[in-house]
Amino acid sequence: SGTRFQNSAAWFKQTFVQQIQKETGLPIEELQELDQQGILSKIPRNDEGELSSVGSIQTHSKGECTPCLYWLRGSCPYGLKCNHCHFRHPGHEVPQQQQQMKPSKKQRHFHRGRRDGNQNAHEGQYWQQ
């Protein structure tokens, strides 16, 4: 009966890893590695029911975690192995519209010169005193 229990436990682990692989699309080898380390079954699910990350295991419930900015923007390259938290946190929401990049000094000088009537602002020195 001990062998039967061991076979059942091995079957359950294999099925669990396969289910996670179907759900996440991650390579089975990575998931097996996390399972062998005893980590895979500890990774919590976030509010959307998705597996979060290694960084969410102990620190999120204690309020000591660091939110993953990649995950908040929609795509974390580290996935389950990320050391940052994959839960939503108050005050760390991603703005609906990303801010536009500030023009470079060269572009600002060019546009300032055009605005002031100097059509050739891009020619010559940028820093006149």
N, C-alpha and C. Protein backbone atom coordinates (compact mmCIF):
# COMPACT_ATOMS: atom_id res chain seq x y z
N SER A 1 0.82 -1.19 0.00
CA SER A 1 0.00 0.00 0.00
C SER A 1 0.86 1.25 0.00
N GLY A 2 2.10 1.18 0.55
CA GLY A 2 3.01 2.32 0.54
C GLY A 2 3.40 2.70 -0.88
N THR A 3 3.65 1.68 -1.72
CA THR A 3 4.00 1.94 -3.11
C THR A 3 2.83 2.56 -3.84
N ARG A 4 1.64 2.09 -3.53
CA ARG A 4 0.44 2.62 -4.17
C ARG A 4 0.27 4.11 -3.83
N PHE A 5 0.54 4.46 -2.55
CA PHE A 5 0.45 5.86 -2.13
C PHE A 5 1.49 6.70 -2.85
N GLN A 6 2.72 6.16 -2.96
CA GLN A 6 3.78 6.90 -3.65
C GLN A 6 3.43 7.12 -5.12
N ASN A 7 2.85 6.09 -5.74
CA ASN A 7 2.44 6.23 -7.14
C ASN A 7 1.33 7.27 -7.28
N SER A 8 0.39 7.29 -6.32
CA SER A 8 -0.69 8.27 -6.35
C SER A 8 -0.14 9.68 -6.18
N ALA A 9 0.81 9.84 -5.25
CA ALA A 9 1.41 11.15 -5.02
C ALA A 9 2.18 11.61 -6.26
N ALA A 10 2.92 10.71 -6.87
CA ALA A 10 3.66 11.05 -8.09
C ALA A 10 2.70 11.41 -9.22
N TRP A 11 1.60 10.68 -9.33
CA TRP A 11 0.61 10.97 -10.37
C TRP A 11 0.00 12.34 -10.13
N PHE A 12 -0.34 12.65 -8.87
CA PHE A 12 -0.93 13.94 -8.55
C PHE A 12 0.04 15.07 -8.88
N LYS A 13 1.31 14.93 -8.51
CA LYS A 13 2.31 15.97 -8.79
C LYS A 13 2.44 16.18 -10.29
N GLN A 14 2.50 15.07 -11.04
CA GLN A 14 2.65 15.17 -12.48
C GLN A 14 1.42 15.86 -13.09
N THR A 15 0.25 15.48 -12.63
CA THR A 15 -0.98 16.09 -13.13
C THR A 15 -1.04 17.56 -12.78
N PHE A 16 -0.64 17.90 -11.55
CA PHE A 16 -0.62 19.29 -11.11
C PHE A 16 0.29 20.12 -12.00
N VAL A 17 1.50 19.65 -12.24
CA VAL A 17 2.46 20.37 -13.08
C VAL A 17 1.93 20.51 -14.50
N GLN A 18 1.32 19.45 -15.01
CA GLN A 18 0.77 19.50 -16.37
C GLN A 18 -0.38 20.52 -16.46
N GLN A 19 -1.21 20.57 -15.43
CA GLN A 19 -2.31 21.53 -15.41
C GLN A 19 -1.78 22.97 -15.41
N ILE A 20 -0.76 23.21 -14.59
CA ILE A 20 -0.16 24.55 -14.54
C ILE A 20 0.47 24.89 -15.90
N GLN A 21 1.07 23.89 -16.54
CA GLN A 21 1.69 24.10 -17.85
C GLN A 21 0.63 24.48 -18.88
N LYS A 22 -0.51 23.82 -18.85
CA LYS A 22 -1.60 24.16 -19.77
C LYS A 22 -2.12 25.57 -19.51
N GLU A 23 -2.20 25.91 -18.24
CA GLU A 23 -2.73 27.21 -17.84
C GLU A 23 -1.79 28.36 -18.21
N THR A 24 -0.49 28.17 -18.00
CA THR A 24 0.47 29.26 -18.18
C THR A 24 1.22 29.22 -19.50
N GLY A 25 1.34 28.04 -20.10
CA GLY A 25 2.11 27.92 -21.34
C GLY A 25 3.61 27.90 -21.11
N LEU A 26 4.03 27.85 -19.85
CA LEU A 26 5.47 27.83 -19.54
C LEU A 26 6.05 26.46 -19.82
N PRO A 27 7.34 26.39 -20.11
CA PRO A 27 7.98 25.10 -20.35
C PRO A 27 7.82 24.17 -19.15
N ILE A 28 7.51 22.92 -19.42
CA ILE A 28 7.28 21.93 -18.36
C ILE A 28 8.51 21.77 -17.48
N GLU A 29 9.70 21.92 -18.06
CA GLU A 29 10.94 21.77 -17.29
C GLU A 29 11.04 22.83 -16.20
N GLU A 30 10.67 24.08 -16.53
CA GLU A 30 10.71 25.16 -15.53
C GLU A 30 9.74 24.88 -14.40
N LEU A 31 8.56 24.41 -14.77
CA LEU A 31 7.54 24.11 -13.76
C LEU A 31 7.96 22.94 -12.88
N GLN A 32 8.55 21.93 -13.49
CA GLN A 32 9.04 20.77 -12.72
C GLN A 32 10.13 21.20 -11.75
N GLU A 33 11.00 22.09 -12.18
CA GLU A 33 12.05 22.60 -11.31
C GLU A 33 11.45 23.33 -10.10
N LEU A 34 10.47 24.19 -10.34
CA LEU A 34 9.80 24.89 -9.24
C LEU A 34 9.08 23.91 -8.33
N ASP A 35 8.50 22.87 -8.91
CA ASP A 35 7.80 21.86 -8.12
C ASP A 35 8.78 21.07 -7.26
N GLN A 36 9.91 20.70 -7.82
CA GLN A 36 10.92 19.94 -7.07
C GLN A 36 11.49 20.77 -5.92
N GLN A 37 11.52 22.08 -6.07
CA GLN A 37 12.00 22.97 -5.01
C GLN A 37 10.92 23.23 -3.96
N GLY A 38 9.71 22.72 -4.21
CA GLY A 38 8.60 22.91 -3.28
C GLY A 38 7.98 24.30 -3.37
N ILE A 39 8.21 25.00 -4.47
CA ILE A 39 7.76 26.38 -4.62
C ILE A 39 6.44 26.47 -5.39
N LEU A 40 6.28 25.66 -6.42
CA LEU A 40 5.15 25.79 -7.33
C LEU A 40 3.81 25.76 -6.62
N SER A 41 3.64 24.86 -5.69
CA SER A 41 2.35 24.74 -5.00
C SER A 41 2.10 25.88 -4.01
N LYS A 42 3.13 26.67 -3.70
CA LYS A 42 2.99 27.79 -2.76
C LYS A 42 2.66 29.10 -3.44
N ILE A 43 2.80 29.16 -4.75
CA ILE A 43 2.55 30.42 -5.46
C ILE A 43 1.06 30.71 -5.41
N PRO A 44 0.68 31.86 -4.82
CA PRO A 44 -0.75 32.17 -4.69
C PRO A 44 -1.36 32.65 -6.01
N ARG A 45 -2.66 32.62 -6.05
CA ARG A 45 -3.39 33.16 -7.20
C ARG A 45 -3.80 34.59 -6.88
N ASN A 46 -3.75 35.45 -7.89
CA ASN A 46 -4.14 36.85 -7.67
C ASN A 46 -5.66 37.00 -7.77
N ASP A 47 -6.13 38.22 -7.72
CA ASP A 47 -7.57 38.49 -7.72
C ASP A 47 -8.27 38.04 -9.00
N GLU A 48 -7.52 37.91 -10.08
CA GLU A 48 -8.08 37.45 -11.35
C GLU A 48 -8.04 35.92 -11.47
N GLY A 49 -7.52 35.24 -10.44
CA GLY A 49 -7.43 33.79 -10.46
C GLY A 49 -6.20 33.24 -11.15
N GLU A 50 -5.29 34.13 -11.54
CA GLU A 50 -4.05 33.72 -12.21
C GLU A 50 -2.99 33.42 -11.17
N LEU A 51 -2.11 32.47 -11.49
CA LEU A 51 -0.95 32.26 -10.61
C LEU A 51 -0.14 33.54 -10.60
N SER A 52 0.32 33.94 -9.45
CA SER A 52 1.05 35.20 -9.35
C SER A 52 2.54 34.96 -9.63
N SER A 53 3.38 35.03 -8.62
CA SER A 53 4.83 34.88 -8.83
C SER A 53 5.49 34.42 -7.54
N VAL A 54 6.73 34.00 -7.67
CA VAL A 54 7.52 33.60 -6.51
C VAL A 54 7.62 34.75 -5.51
N GLY A 55 7.73 35.97 -6.01
CA GLY A 55 7.83 37.14 -5.15
C GLY A 55 6.57 37.46 -4.38
N SER A 56 5.48 36.77 -4.70
CA SER A 56 4.21 36.99 -4.01
C SER A 56 3.96 35.98 -2.89
N ILE A 57 4.80 34.97 -2.77
CA ILE A 57 4.52 33.85 -1.86
C ILE A 57 4.36 34.30 -0.41
N GLN A 58 5.38 34.88 0.16
CA GLN A 58 5.30 35.23 1.58
C GLN A 58 5.16 36.72 1.82
N THR A 59 5.70 37.51 0.95
CA THR A 59 5.79 38.94 1.23
C THR A 59 4.47 39.68 1.04
N HIS A 60 3.61 39.24 0.10
CA HIS A 60 2.39 40.00 -0.16
C HIS A 60 1.45 39.98 1.05
N SER A 61 1.27 38.82 1.63
CA SER A 61 0.35 38.73 2.78
C SER A 61 0.86 39.52 3.98
N LYS A 62 2.17 39.74 4.05
CA LYS A 62 2.75 40.51 5.15
C LYS A 62 2.84 42.00 4.83
N GLY A 63 2.52 42.35 3.59
CA GLY A 63 2.61 43.76 3.19
C GLY A 63 4.03 44.22 2.97
N GLU A 64 4.95 43.29 2.75
CA GLU A 64 6.37 43.62 2.58
C GLU A 64 6.85 43.44 1.14
N CYS A 65 5.92 43.32 0.22
CA CYS A 65 6.31 43.00 -1.15
C CYS A 65 6.61 44.26 -1.97
N THR A 66 7.25 44.03 -3.09
CA THR A 66 7.52 45.08 -4.06
C THR A 66 6.74 44.73 -5.32
N PRO A 67 5.82 45.58 -5.74
CA PRO A 67 5.03 45.28 -6.94
C PRO A 67 5.89 45.18 -8.20
N CYS A 68 5.52 44.30 -9.08
CA CYS A 68 6.23 44.14 -10.35
C CYS A 68 5.64 45.13 -11.36
N LEU A 69 6.43 46.08 -11.78
CA LEU A 69 5.96 47.10 -12.72
C LEU A 69 5.71 46.51 -14.11
N TYR A 70 6.49 45.49 -14.48
CA TYR A 70 6.25 44.83 -15.76
C TYR A 70 4.87 44.19 -15.77
N TRP A 71 4.54 43.48 -14.68
CA TRP A 71 3.25 42.80 -14.60
C TRP A 71 2.11 43.81 -14.62
N LEU A 72 2.29 44.93 -13.93
CA LEU A 72 1.25 45.95 -13.91
C LEU A 72 1.00 46.52 -15.30
N ARG A 73 2.04 46.54 -16.13
CA ARG A 73 1.89 47.05 -17.50
C ARG A 73 1.44 45.97 -18.46
N GLY A 74 1.28 44.74 -17.96
CA GLY A 74 0.69 43.69 -18.79
C GLY A 74 1.59 42.55 -19.21
N SER A 75 2.89 42.64 -18.97
CA SER A 75 3.75 41.56 -19.42
C SER A 75 5.06 41.52 -18.63
N CYS A 76 5.18 40.52 -17.78
CA CYS A 76 6.42 40.35 -17.02
C CYS A 76 7.25 39.26 -17.70
N PRO A 77 8.47 39.58 -18.10
CA PRO A 77 9.31 38.59 -18.79
C PRO A 77 9.74 37.43 -17.89
N TYR A 78 9.63 37.60 -16.57
CA TYR A 78 10.09 36.57 -15.64
C TYR A 78 8.97 35.61 -15.22
N GLY A 79 7.72 36.01 -15.44
CA GLY A 79 6.58 35.14 -15.15
C GLY A 79 6.54 34.66 -13.71
N LEU A 80 6.31 33.37 -13.52
CA LEU A 80 6.21 32.80 -12.17
C LEU A 80 7.49 32.96 -11.38
N LYS A 81 8.63 33.04 -12.06
CA LYS A 81 9.92 33.13 -11.37
C LYS A 81 10.27 34.56 -10.94
N CYS A 82 9.39 35.51 -11.21
CA CYS A 82 9.65 36.90 -10.85
C CYS A 82 9.73 37.05 -9.33
N ASN A 83 10.72 37.79 -8.87
CA ASN A 83 10.90 38.02 -7.43
C ASN A 83 10.04 39.16 -6.90
N HIS A 84 9.27 39.79 -7.78
CA HIS A 84 8.38 40.88 -7.38
C HIS A 84 6.94 40.37 -7.37
N CYS A 85 6.09 41.10 -6.70
CA CYS A 85 4.72 40.68 -6.46
C CYS A 85 3.82 40.94 -7.67
N HIS A 86 3.03 39.93 -8.05
CA HIS A 86 2.10 40.03 -9.16
C HIS A 86 0.66 40.17 -8.66
N PHE A 87 0.46 41.04 -7.67
CA PHE A 87 -0.86 41.41 -7.18
C PHE A 87 -1.03 42.90 -7.41
N ARG A 88 -2.26 43.35 -7.54
CA ARG A 88 -2.52 44.79 -7.64
C ARG A 88 -2.35 45.40 -6.26
N HIS A 89 -1.74 46.58 -6.21
CA HIS A 89 -1.48 47.28 -4.96
C HIS A 89 -2.04 48.69 -5.04
N PRO A 90 -2.70 49.15 -3.99
CA PRO A 90 -3.18 50.54 -3.99
C PRO A 90 -2.01 51.51 -4.18
N GLY A 91 -2.21 52.47 -5.05
CA GLY A 91 -1.16 53.47 -5.30
C GLY A 91 -0.17 53.07 -6.37
N HIS A 92 -0.29 51.85 -6.91
CA HIS A 92 0.64 51.41 -7.95
C HIS A 92 -0.09 51.07 -9.25
N GLU A 93 -1.21 51.75 -9.49
CA GLU A 93 -1.94 51.49 -10.72
C GLU A 93 -1.21 52.12 -11.89
N VAL A 94 -1.34 51.50 -13.04
CA VAL A 94 -0.71 52.04 -14.25
C VAL A 94 -1.67 53.07 -14.83
N PRO A 95 -1.18 54.25 -15.16
CA PRO A 95 -2.05 55.27 -15.74
C PRO A 95 -2.68 54.76 -17.04
N GLN A 96 -3.90 55.20 -17.31
CA GLN A 96 -4.59 54.77 -18.53
C GLN A 96 -3.81 55.18 -19.77
N GLN A 97 -3.29 56.37 -19.78
CA GLN A 97 -2.48 56.83 -20.90
C GLN A 97 -1.06 57.03 -20.41
N GLN A 98 -0.13 56.43 -21.10
CA GLN A 98 1.27 56.62 -20.75
C GLN A 98 1.65 58.07 -21.06
N GLN A 99 2.44 58.67 -20.21
CA GLN A 99 2.88 60.04 -20.45
C GLN A 99 3.77 60.07 -21.67
N GLN A 100 3.65 61.16 -22.43
CA GLN A 100 4.51 61.31 -23.58
C GLN A 100 5.92 61.63 -23.11
N MET A 101 6.88 61.16 -23.89
CA MET A 101 8.27 61.46 -23.55
C MET A 101 8.54 62.94 -23.77
N LYS A 102 9.32 63.50 -22.90
CA LYS A 102 9.70 64.91 -23.01
C LYS A 102 10.67 65.04 -24.19
N PRO A 103 10.46 66.04 -25.05
CA PRO A 103 11.39 66.22 -26.17
C PRO A 103 12.81 66.50 -25.66
N SER A 104 13.79 66.09 -26.44
CA SER A 104 15.18 66.33 -26.07
C SER A 104 15.46 67.83 -26.08
N LYS A 105 16.58 68.22 -25.49
CA LYS A 105 16.96 69.64 -25.47
C LYS A 105 17.10 70.17 -26.88
N LYS A 106 17.64 69.36 -27.76
CA LYS A 106 17.82 69.78 -29.15
C LYS A 106 16.46 70.05 -29.80
N GLN A 107 15.50 69.16 -29.58
CA GLN A 107 14.16 69.36 -30.15
C GLN A 107 13.46 70.57 -29.54
N ARG A 108 13.60 70.74 -28.23
CA ARG A 108 12.97 71.89 -27.57
C ARG A 108 13.56 73.19 -28.12
N HIS A 109 14.89 73.24 -28.29
CA HIS A 109 15.55 74.43 -28.81
C HIS A 109 15.06 74.72 -30.23
N PHE A 110 14.96 73.68 -31.04
CA PHE A 110 14.51 73.83 -32.42
C PHE A 110 13.10 74.42 -32.45
N HIS A 111 12.18 73.84 -31.66
CA HIS A 111 10.80 74.31 -31.64
C HIS A 111 10.67 75.71 -31.03
N ARG A 112 11.50 76.00 -30.04
CA ARG A 112 11.49 77.32 -29.42
C ARG A 112 11.93 78.36 -30.45
N GLY A 113 12.95 78.03 -31.21
CA GLY A 113 13.42 78.95 -32.24
C GLY A 113 12.39 79.17 -33.32
N ARG A 114 11.70 78.13 -33.74
CA ARG A 114 10.65 78.25 -34.77
C ARG A 114 9.49 79.08 -34.22
N ARG A 115 9.18 78.87 -32.95
CA ARG A 115 8.09 79.62 -32.33
C ARG A 115 8.42 81.11 -32.28
N ASP A 116 9.70 81.42 -32.06
CA ASP A 116 10.14 82.81 -31.95
C ASP A 116 10.44 83.43 -33.31
N GLY A 117 10.18 82.71 -34.40
CA GLY A 117 10.36 83.27 -35.73
C GLY A 117 11.69 82.94 -36.37
N ASN A 118 12.54 82.18 -35.74
CA ASN A 118 13.84 81.82 -36.30
C ASN A 118 13.67 80.49 -37.03
N GLN A 119 13.50 80.55 -38.35
CA GLN A 119 13.27 79.34 -39.14
C GLN A 119 14.51 78.44 -39.19
N ASN A 120 15.68 78.99 -38.90
CA ASN A 120 16.92 78.22 -38.97
C ASN A 120 17.44 77.87 -37.57
N ALA A 121 16.54 77.64 -36.65
CA ALA A 121 16.94 77.39 -35.26
C ALA A 121 17.79 76.15 -35.11
N HIS A 122 17.63 75.22 -36.03
CA HIS A 122 18.39 73.98 -35.91
C HIS A 122 19.83 74.13 -36.40
N GLU A 123 20.14 75.22 -37.04
CA GLU A 123 21.50 75.44 -37.53
C GLU A 123 22.28 76.23 -36.51
N GLY A 124 23.56 76.00 -36.47
CA GLY A 124 24.42 76.80 -35.59
C GLY A 124 24.45 76.27 -34.18
N GLN A 125 24.84 77.18 -33.26
CA GLN A 125 25.01 76.78 -31.88
C GLN A 125 23.66 76.69 -31.17
N TYR A 126 23.61 75.75 -30.24
CA TYR A 126 22.40 75.57 -29.46
C TYR A 126 22.43 76.41 -28.18
N TRP A 127 23.62 76.68 -27.72
CA TRP A 127 23.74 77.42 -26.45
C TRP A 127 24.37 78.77 -26.75
N GLN A 128 23.54 79.78 -26.87
CA GLN A 128 24.05 81.11 -27.09
C GLN A 128 23.90 81.90 -25.81
N GLN A 129 24.92 82.67 -25.52
CA GLN A 129 24.85 83.45 -24.28
C GLN A 129 24.86 84.91 -24.56
